[in-house]
Amino acid sequence: MRKIPMYIIKSKDPWFKILLLGDFHYGHNECDDYALRDMIHWIAGKDPRTHGVILTGDNTENVLPSSKGSAFDLKIPDPKKQIEGIAKILKPIAPFILAMYDGNHSYRSQVAAGYRPDEEVAKLLGLESRFMGYSGYFRLALPQKYLIWGEHGSSNSRTASGKIRVLTRMAVQHPGADLYVQGHIHHKFAIPDRVEVAEGNYIRSRKIIFAANGSYLMGPEYAQRLGFTWGGPGAIRLELNATRKNIHAEV
């Protein structure tokens, strides 16, 4: 049994905005770090009492000899320099980060050497307590409380519809959340849905949101060879009402 972390933010605005970001793949030749820096600069100009960030993993490319991808495709081959570089880019938004998840590119090193680059990024940002591993719940109190489930995600689906099915599956495997977020699929989605909840002798309908971020990796060749679709860079913006439970999403 694990305790669900609670993060309390006294929101200044009626709506608290969460930016869903991830899949930077920093170090790859095709990482659009200029677009990423623009996004970071925009977020850093906001107020942590009105804006938050969730990072879904794959901060670095982290190519191993046994993994997909090629060392010849890397702008920054040294994994340590990849980690240090992305941490430096993310440093201005460290006060905004609510949770960080571990990606599959990071997990390669966990399997090979018991070392997770995404966790090292969290340490360099001073956010070890916000590193959630591969997946996990956390609560956000604005003061209205929201239960959020996040994970990096996993999918071999080549089509947008297949990726949506994977995204919505989270509610079956991890019920009860108001918001479900993931990365990995390199496609921006924000999908509203409703679930029925039994409360005593009554059934209540409750709104939930599924969201997935895009990628700052501009179409790696191995993904193109496999026919995977790509949803472009940028962030999903999620708006949570601070006083009554309601969520909106903007792609």
C-alpha atoms as a PDB file:
ATOM      1  CA  MET A   1       0.000   0.000   0.000  1.00  0.00           C
ATOM      2  CA  ARG A   2       1.370   3.395  -1.015  1.00  0.00           C
ATOM      3  CA  LYS A   3       0.311   6.819   0.200  1.00  0.00           C
ATOM      4  CA  ILE A   4      -0.890   9.229  -2.488  1.00  0.00           C
ATOM      5  CA  PRO A   5       1.090  12.505  -2.356  1.00  0.00           C
ATOM      6  CA  MET A   6      -0.902  15.698  -1.868  1.00  0.00           C
ATOM      7  CA  TYR A   7       0.268  19.024  -3.299  1.00  0.00           C
ATOM      8  CA  ILE A   8      -1.471  22.156  -1.990  1.00  0.00           C
ATOM      9  CA  ILE A   9      -1.517  25.295  -4.130  1.00  0.00           C
ATOM     10  CA  LYS A  10      -3.454  28.393  -3.125  1.00  0.00           C
ATOM     11  CA  SER A  11      -4.570  29.283  -6.625  1.00  0.00           C
ATOM     12  CA  LYS A  12      -4.728  33.012  -7.342  1.00  0.00           C
ATOM     13  CA  ASP A  13      -7.128  32.515 -10.259  1.00  0.00           C
ATOM     14  CA  PRO A  14     -10.506  30.757 -10.557  1.00  0.00           C
ATOM     15  CA  TRP A  15      -8.844  28.315 -13.005  1.00  0.00           C
ATOM     16  CA  PHE A  16      -5.449  26.674 -12.413  1.00  0.00           C
ATOM     17  CA  LYS A  17      -3.618  25.769 -15.646  1.00  0.00           C
ATOM     18  CA  ILE A  18      -1.512  22.640 -16.063  1.00  0.00           C
ATOM     19  CA  LEU A  19       0.865  22.303 -19.028  1.00  0.00           C
ATOM     20  CA  LEU A  20       1.476  18.693 -20.037  1.00  0.00           C
ATOM     21  CA  LEU A  21       4.980  18.303 -21.472  1.00  0.00           C
ATOM     22  CA  GLY A  22       7.362  15.473 -22.291  1.00  0.00           C
ATOM     23  CA  ASP A  23       9.180  13.401 -24.898  1.00  0.00           C
ATOM     24  CA  PHE A  24      11.909  15.997 -25.476  1.00  0.00           C
ATOM     25  CA  HIS A  25      14.489  13.350 -26.486  1.00  0.00           C
ATOM     26  CA  TYR A  26      17.192  15.911 -25.814  1.00  0.00           C
ATOM     27  CA  GLY A  27      20.467  14.949 -27.469  1.00  0.00           C
ATOM     28  CA  HIS A  28      18.934  13.636 -30.698  1.00  0.00           C
ATOM     29  CA  ASN A  29      19.727  15.494 -33.925  1.00  0.00           C
ATOM     30  CA  GLU A  30      15.993  16.038 -34.478  1.00  0.00           C
ATOM     31  CA  CYS A  31      15.216  17.435 -31.012  1.00  0.00           C
ATOM     32  CA  ASP A  32      13.674  20.871 -31.565  1.00  0.00           C
ATOM     33  CA  ASP A  33      15.281  22.450 -28.530  1.00  0.00           C
ATOM     34  CA  TYR A  34      14.546  25.953 -29.910  1.00  0.00           C
ATOM     35  CA  ALA A  35      10.787  25.316 -29.726  1.00  0.00           C
ATOM     36  CA  LEU A  36      11.263  23.731 -26.302  1.00  0.00           C
ATOM     37  CA  ARG A  37      13.188  26.755 -25.008  1.00  0.00           C
ATOM     38  CA  ASP A  38      10.408  29.035 -26.270  1.00  0.00           C
ATOM     39  CA  MET A  39       7.838  26.992 -24.338  1.00  0.00           C
ATOM     40  CA  ILE A  40       9.982  27.019 -21.178  1.00  0.00           C
ATOM     41  CA  HIS A  41      10.451  30.795 -21.476  1.00  0.00           C
ATOM     42  CA  TRP A  42       6.675  31.278 -21.784  1.00  0.00           C
ATOM     43  CA  ILE A  43       5.926  29.124 -18.725  1.00  0.00           C
ATOM     44  CA  ALA A  44       8.657  30.776 -16.643  1.00  0.00           C
ATOM     45  CA  GLY A  45       6.909  34.128 -17.139  1.00  0.00           C
ATOM     46  CA  LYS A  46       3.773  32.839 -15.390  1.00  0.00           C
ATOM     47  CA  ASP A  47       3.001  32.429 -11.674  1.00  0.00           C
ATOM     48  CA  PRO A  48       3.342  28.990  -9.954  1.00  0.00           C
ATOM     49  CA  ARG A  49       0.110  29.852  -8.139  1.00  0.00           C
ATOM     50  CA  THR A  50      -1.744  29.924 -11.473  1.00  0.00           C
ATOM     51  CA  HIS A  51       0.257  27.466 -13.628  1.00  0.00           C
ATOM     52  CA  GLY A  52       1.771  24.025 -13.103  1.00  0.00           C
ATOM     53  CA  VAL A  53       3.648  21.496 -15.239  1.00  0.00           C
ATOM     54  CA  ILE A  54       3.573  17.697 -15.488  1.00  0.00           C
ATOM     55  CA  LEU A  55       6.541  16.047 -17.244  1.00  0.00           C
ATOM     56  CA  THR A  56       5.752  12.639 -18.740  1.00  0.00           C
ATOM     57  CA  GLY A  57       9.292  11.346 -19.359  1.00  0.00           C
ATOM     58  CA  ASP A  58      11.815  10.677 -22.122  1.00  0.00           C
ATOM     59  CA  ASN A  59      13.657  13.866 -21.281  1.00  0.00           C
ATOM     60  CA  THR A  60      16.761  12.534 -23.083  1.00  0.00           C
ATOM     61  CA  GLU A  61      17.293  10.267 -26.094  1.00  0.00           C
ATOM     62  CA  ASN A  62      19.597   7.879 -24.186  1.00  0.00           C
ATOM     63  CA  VAL A  63      20.582   5.452 -26.955  1.00  0.00           C
ATOM     64  CA  LEU A  64      22.179   2.167 -25.868  1.00  0.00           C
ATOM     65  CA  PRO A  65      23.841  -0.350 -28.225  1.00  0.00           C
ATOM     66  CA  SER A  66      20.915  -2.740 -27.698  1.00  0.00           C
ATOM     67  CA  SER A  67      18.107  -0.177 -28.093  1.00  0.00           C
ATOM     68  CA  LYS A  68      16.179   1.304 -31.019  1.00  0.00           C
ATOM     69  CA  GLY A  69      17.732   4.336 -32.630  1.00  0.00           C
ATOM     70  CA  SER A  70      21.320   4.979 -33.626  1.00  0.00           C
ATOM     71  CA  ALA A  71      24.222   6.725 -31.931  1.00  0.00           C
ATOM     72  CA  PHE A  72      24.930   8.285 -35.338  1.00  0.00           C
ATOM     73  CA  ASP A  73      21.653  10.235 -35.002  1.00  0.00           C
ATOM     74  CA  LEU A  74      22.773  12.006 -31.838  1.00  0.00           C
ATOM     75  CA  LYS A  75      23.762  15.657 -31.610  1.00  0.00           C
ATOM     76  CA  ILE A  76      24.946  15.012 -28.030  1.00  0.00           C
ATOM     77  CA  PRO A  77      26.201  11.396 -27.724  1.00  0.00           C
ATOM     78  CA  ASP A  78      27.268  11.623 -24.050  1.00  0.00           C
ATOM     79  CA  PRO A  79      24.288  10.588 -21.825  1.00  0.00           C
ATOM     80  CA  LYS A  80      25.636  12.665 -18.920  1.00  0.00           C
ATOM     81  CA  LYS A  81      25.736  15.788 -21.093  1.00  0.00           C
ATOM     82  CA  GLN A  82      22.201  15.044 -22.287  1.00  0.00           C
ATOM     83  CA  ILE A  83      21.013  14.947 -18.665  1.00  0.00           C
ATOM     84  CA  GLU A  84      22.862  18.119 -17.706  1.00  0.00           C
ATOM     85  CA  GLY A  85      21.680  19.922 -20.844  1.00  0.00           C
ATOM     86  CA  ILE A  86      17.971  19.218 -20.424  1.00  0.00           C
ATOM     87  CA  ALA A  87      18.136  19.983 -16.683  1.00  0.00           C
ATOM     88  CA  LYS A  88      19.628  23.397 -17.515  1.00  0.00           C
ATOM     89  CA  ILE A  89      16.802  24.068 -19.999  1.00  0.00           C
ATOM     90  CA  LEU A  90      14.122  23.012 -17.494  1.00  0.00           C
ATOM     91  CA  LYS A  91      15.624  24.835 -14.489  1.00  0.00           C
ATOM     92  CA  PRO A  92      13.552  28.044 -14.934  1.00  0.00           C
ATOM     93  CA  ILE A  93      10.298  26.078 -14.566  1.00  0.00           C
ATOM     94  CA  ALA A  94      11.356  23.908 -11.605  1.00  0.00           C
ATOM     95  CA  PRO A  95       8.961  25.798  -9.233  1.00  0.00           C
ATOM     96  CA  PHE A  96       6.058  24.911 -11.552  1.00  0.00           C
ATOM     97  CA  ILE A  97       6.666  21.142 -11.798  1.00  0.00           C
ATOM     98  CA  LEU A  98       4.016  19.075 -10.000  1.00  0.00           C
ATOM     99  CA  ALA A  99       5.170  15.591 -11.036  1.00  0.00           C
ATOM    100  CA  MET A 100       7.809  13.915 -13.214  1.00  0.00           C
ATOM    101  CA  TYR A 101       7.488  10.433 -14.715  1.00  0.00           C
ATOM    102  CA  ASP A 102      10.101   8.022 -16.013  1.00  0.00           C
ATOM    103  CA  GLY A 103      10.144   7.244 -19.750  1.00  0.00           C
ATOM    104  CA  ASN A 104      11.037   4.118 -21.686  1.00  0.00           C
ATOM    105  CA  HIS A 105      14.258   5.701 -23.008  1.00  0.00           C
ATOM    106  CA  SER A 106      15.301   6.250 -19.390  1.00  0.00           C
ATOM    107  CA  TYR A 107      14.261   2.713 -18.459  1.00  0.00           C
ATOM    108  CA  ARG A 108      16.840   1.334 -20.898  1.00  0.00           C
ATOM    109  CA  SER A 109      19.572   2.372 -18.463  1.00  0.00           C
ATOM    110  CA  GLN A 110      17.584   1.069 -15.491  1.00  0.00           C
ATOM    111  CA  VAL A 111      17.597  -2.407 -17.077  1.00  0.00           C
ATOM    112  CA  ALA A 112      21.230  -2.213 -18.145  1.00  0.00           C
ATOM    113  CA  ALA A 113      22.796  -0.532 -15.111  1.00  0.00           C
ATOM    114  CA  GLY A 114      20.192   0.351 -12.455  1.00  0.00           C
ATOM    115  CA  TYR A 115      20.365   4.035 -13.427  1.00  0.00           C
ATOM    116  CA  ARG A 116      17.501   6.259 -14.608  1.00  0.00           C
ATOM    117  CA  PRO A 117      18.361   9.448 -16.539  1.00  0.00           C
ATOM    118  CA  ASP A 118      14.890  10.935 -15.968  1.00  0.00           C
ATOM    119  CA  GLU A 119      15.387  10.519 -12.215  1.00  0.00           C
ATOM    120  CA  GLU A 120      18.800  12.203 -12.487  1.00  0.00           C
ATOM    121  CA  VAL A 121      17.134  15.174 -14.182  1.00  0.00           C
ATOM    122  CA  ALA A 122      14.724  15.401 -11.224  1.00  0.00           C
ATOM    123  CA  LYS A 123      17.680  15.382  -8.810  1.00  0.00           C
ATOM    124  CA  LEU A 124      19.468  18.159 -10.686  1.00  0.00           C
ATOM    125  CA  LEU A 125      16.261  20.217 -10.476  1.00  0.00           C
ATOM    126  CA  GLY A 126      15.960  19.528  -6.729  1.00  0.00           C
ATOM    127  CA  LEU A 127      12.694  17.659  -7.325  1.00  0.00           C
ATOM    128  CA  GLU A 128      13.448  14.136  -6.106  1.00  0.00           C
ATOM    129  CA  SER A 129      10.176  14.124  -4.140  1.00  0.00           C
ATOM    130  CA  ARG A 130       8.214  14.927  -7.314  1.00  0.00           C
ATOM    131  CA  PHE A 131       9.709  12.018  -9.285  1.00  0.00           C
ATOM    132  CA  MET A 132       6.939   9.404  -9.528  1.00  0.00           C
ATOM    133  CA  GLY A 133       8.748   6.589 -11.324  1.00  0.00           C
ATOM    134  CA  TYR A 134       6.949   5.099 -14.304  1.00  0.00           C
ATOM    135  CA  SER A 135       3.443   5.883 -13.020  1.00  0.00           C
ATOM    136  CA  GLY A 136       1.383   6.982 -10.056  1.00  0.00           C
ATOM    137  CA  TYR A 137      -1.453   9.008  -8.553  1.00  0.00           C
ATOM    138  CA  PHE A 138      -1.149  12.389  -6.887  1.00  0.00           C
ATOM    139  CA  ARG A 139      -3.718  14.811  -5.470  1.00  0.00           C
ATOM    140  CA  LEU A 140      -3.830  18.507  -6.172  1.00  0.00           C
ATOM    141  CA  ALA A 141      -5.679  20.828  -3.751  1.00  0.00           C
ATOM    142  CA  LEU A 142      -6.504  24.313  -5.110  1.00  0.00           C
ATOM    143  CA  PRO A 143      -8.480  24.122  -2.594  1.00  0.00           C
ATOM    144  CA  GLN A 144     -10.799  21.933  -4.760  1.00  0.00           C
ATOM    145  CA  LYS A 145      -9.156  18.505  -4.731  1.00  0.00           C
ATOM    146  CA  TYR A 146      -8.333  16.603  -7.932  1.00  0.00           C
ATOM    147  CA  LEU A 147      -6.970  13.077  -8.205  1.00  0.00           C
ATOM    148  CA  ILE A 148      -4.536  12.755 -11.111  1.00  0.00           C
ATOM    149  CA  TRP A 149      -3.098   9.566 -12.599  1.00  0.00           C
ATOM    150  CA  GLY A 150       0.029   9.914 -14.728  1.00  0.00           C
ATOM    151  CA  GLU A 151       2.331   7.557 -16.596  1.00  0.00           C
ATOM    152  CA  HIS A 152       4.752   7.601 -19.478  1.00  0.00           C
ATOM    153  CA  GLY A 153       2.609   5.105 -21.369  1.00  0.00           C
ATOM    154  CA  SER A 154       3.208   2.266 -23.777  1.00  0.00           C
ATOM    155  CA  SER A 155       1.843   1.664 -27.258  1.00  0.00           C
ATOM    156  CA  ASN A 156       2.833   0.010 -30.516  1.00  0.00           C
ATOM    157  CA  SER A 157      -0.127   1.525 -32.315  1.00  0.00           C
ATOM    158  CA  ARG A 158       0.683   3.307 -35.595  1.00  0.00           C
ATOM    159  CA  THR A 159      -2.646   5.141 -35.953  1.00  0.00           C
ATOM    160  CA  ALA A 160      -4.242   8.007 -34.043  1.00  0.00           C
ATOM    161  CA  SER A 161      -7.328   5.903 -33.221  1.00  0.00           C
ATOM    162  CA  GLY A 162      -5.183   3.127 -31.785  1.00  0.00           C
ATOM    163  CA  LYS A 163      -3.321   5.620 -29.614  1.00  0.00           C
ATOM    164  CA  ILE A 164      -6.627   6.972 -28.303  1.00  0.00           C
ATOM    165  CA  ARG A 165      -7.703   3.461 -27.267  1.00  0.00           C
ATOM    166  CA  VAL A 166      -4.466   3.049 -25.303  1.00  0.00           C
ATOM    167  CA  LEU A 167      -4.969   6.442 -23.666  1.00  0.00           C
ATOM    168  CA  THR A 168      -8.516   5.756 -22.459  1.00  0.00           C
ATOM    169  CA  ARG A 169      -7.539   2.319 -21.140  1.00  0.00           C
ATOM    170  CA  MET A 170      -5.923   4.030 -18.149  1.00  0.00           C
ATOM    171  CA  ALA A 171      -9.316   4.575 -16.495  1.00  0.00           C
ATOM    172  CA  VAL A 172      -9.984   0.815 -16.502  1.00  0.00           C
ATOM    173  CA  GLN A 173      -6.606  -0.087 -15.050  1.00  0.00           C
ATOM    174  CA  HIS A 174      -6.429   2.833 -12.577  1.00  0.00           C
ATOM    175  CA  PRO A 175      -9.959   3.948 -11.676  1.00  0.00           C
ATOM    176  CA  GLY A 176     -11.054   6.949  -9.665  1.00  0.00           C
ATOM    177  CA  ALA A 177      -8.978   9.780 -11.115  1.00  0.00           C
ATOM    178  CA  ASP A 178     -10.383  13.043 -12.439  1.00  0.00           C
ATOM    179  CA  LEU A 179      -7.530  13.494 -14.910  1.00  0.00           C
ATOM    180  CA  TYR A 180      -5.399  10.909 -16.762  1.00  0.00           C
ATOM    181  CA  VAL A 181      -2.169  11.990 -18.458  1.00  0.00           C
ATOM    182  CA  GLN A 182       0.560  10.230 -20.413  1.00  0.00           C
ATOM    183  CA  GLY A 183       3.334  10.755 -22.927  1.00  0.00           C
ATOM    184  CA  HIS A 184       5.140   8.292 -25.206  1.00  0.00           C
ATOM    185  CA  ILE A 185       2.726   8.298 -28.152  1.00  0.00           C
ATOM    186  CA  HIS A 186       4.111  11.573 -29.589  1.00  0.00           C
ATOM    187  CA  HIS A 187       0.599  12.734 -30.404  1.00  0.00           C
ATOM    188  CA  LYS A 188      -1.388  15.499 -28.694  1.00  0.00           C
ATOM    189  CA  PHE A 189      -4.830  14.440 -27.511  1.00  0.00           C
ATOM    190  CA  ALA A 190      -7.348  15.795 -25.020  1.00  0.00           C
ATOM    191  CA  ILE A 191     -10.452  13.627 -24.696  1.00  0.00           C
ATOM    192  CA  PRO A 192     -13.374  14.282 -22.318  1.00  0.00           C
ATOM    193  CA  ASP A 193     -15.489  11.421 -21.023  1.00  0.00           C
ATOM    194  CA  ARG A 194     -17.950  10.650 -18.245  1.00  0.00           C
ATOM    195  CA  VAL A 195     -18.091   7.787 -15.757  1.00  0.00           C
ATOM    196  CA  GLU A 196     -20.879   6.743 -13.398  1.00  0.00           C
ATOM    197  CA  VAL A 197     -20.038   6.510  -9.705  1.00  0.00           C
ATOM    198  CA  ALA A 198     -22.225   4.791  -7.083  1.00  0.00           C
ATOM    199  CA  GLU A 199     -22.702   6.890  -3.937  1.00  0.00           C
ATOM    200  CA  GLY A 200     -24.989   5.227  -1.385  1.00  0.00           C
ATOM    201  CA  ASN A 201     -28.334   4.598  -3.088  1.00  0.00           C
ATOM    202  CA  TYR A 202     -27.583   6.964  -5.972  1.00  0.00           C
ATOM    203  CA  ILE A 203     -25.479   7.048  -9.123  1.00  0.00           C
ATOM    204  CA  ARG A 204     -23.616  10.204 -10.019  1.00  0.00           C
ATOM    205  CA  SER A 205     -22.149  11.034 -13.424  1.00  0.00           C
ATOM    206  CA  ARG A 206     -18.621  12.436 -13.236  1.00  0.00           C
ATOM    207  CA  LYS A 207     -16.535  14.136 -15.917  1.00  0.00           C
ATOM    208  CA  ILE A 208     -12.985  12.900 -16.557  1.00  0.00           C
ATOM    209  CA  ILE A 209     -10.282  14.009 -19.011  1.00  0.00           C
ATOM    210  CA  PHE A 210      -7.646  11.960 -20.855  1.00  0.00           C
ATOM    211  CA  ALA A 211      -4.633  13.871 -22.191  1.00  0.00           C
ATOM    212  CA  ALA A 212      -1.384  13.042 -23.977  1.00  0.00           C
ATOM    213  CA  ASN A 213       1.410  15.434 -24.920  1.00  0.00           C
ATOM    214  CA  GLY A 214       3.204  15.811 -28.217  1.00  0.00           C
ATOM    215  CA  SER A 215       6.934  15.405 -28.778  1.00  0.00           C
ATOM    216  CA  TYR A 216       9.865  17.703 -29.424  1.00  0.00           C
ATOM    217  CA  LEU A 217      11.523  14.965 -31.468  1.00  0.00           C
ATOM    218  CA  MET A 218      10.828  15.947 -35.057  1.00  0.00           C
ATOM    219  CA  GLY A 219      10.147  12.580 -36.669  1.00  0.00           C
ATOM    220  CA  PRO A 220      13.047  10.138 -36.095  1.00  0.00           C
ATOM    221  CA  GLU A 221      13.776   7.900 -39.048  1.00  0.00           C
ATOM    222  CA  TYR A 222      13.100   4.617 -37.224  1.00  0.00           C
ATOM    223  CA  ALA A 223       9.575   5.825 -36.379  1.00  0.00           C
ATOM    224  CA  GLN A 224       8.985   6.899 -39.978  1.00  0.00           C
ATOM    225  CA  ARG A 225      10.134   3.499 -41.209  1.00  0.00           C
ATOM    226  CA  LEU A 226       7.529   1.861 -38.955  1.00  0.00           C
ATOM    227  CA  GLY A 227       4.758   4.205 -40.096  1.00  0.00           C
ATOM    228  CA  PHE A 228       4.062   5.874 -36.743  1.00  0.00           C
ATOM    229  CA  THR A 229       2.036   9.098 -36.803  1.00  0.00           C
ATOM    230  CA  TRP A 230       3.386  12.217 -35.078  1.00  0.00           C
ATOM    231  CA  GLY A 231       1.314  14.931 -33.433  1.00  0.00           C
ATOM    232  CA  GLY A 232       3.786  17.805 -33.349  1.00  0.00           C
ATOM    233  CA  PRO A 233       5.463  19.760 -30.555  1.00  0.00           C
ATOM    234  CA  GLY A 234       3.874  21.926 -27.879  1.00  0.00           C
ATOM    235  CA  ALA A 235       1.898  21.366 -24.717  1.00  0.00           C
ATOM    236  CA  ILE A 236      -1.609  20.320 -23.798  1.00  0.00           C
ATOM    237  CA  ARG A 237      -3.183  22.976 -21.550  1.00  0.00           C
ATOM    238  CA  LEU A 238      -5.511  21.687 -18.847  1.00  0.00           C
ATOM    239  CA  GLU A 239      -7.634  24.083 -16.791  1.00  0.00           C
ATOM    240  CA  LEU A 240      -8.855  22.972 -13.354  1.00  0.00           C
ATOM    241  CA  ASN A 241     -11.499  24.982 -11.521  1.00  0.00           C
ATOM    242  CA  ALA A 242     -10.105  26.015  -8.127  1.00  0.00           C
ATOM    243  CA  THR A 243     -13.386  25.926  -6.192  1.00  0.00           C
ATOM    244  CA  ARG A 244     -15.684  23.386  -7.862  1.00  0.00           C
ATOM    245  CA  LYS A 245     -14.715  20.215  -9.713  1.00  0.00           C
ATOM    246  CA  ASN A 246     -14.514  20.926 -13.425  1.00  0.00           C
ATOM    247  CA  ILE A 247     -11.734  20.437 -15.998  1.00  0.00           C
ATOM    248  CA  HIS A 248     -11.274  21.868 -19.492  1.00  0.00           C
ATOM    249  CA  ALA A 249      -8.575  20.934 -21.985  1.00  0.00           C
ATOM    250  CA  GLU A 250      -7.023  22.752 -24.907  1.00  0.00           C
ATOM    251  CA  VAL A 251      -4.778  21.185 -27.554  1.00  0.00           C
END
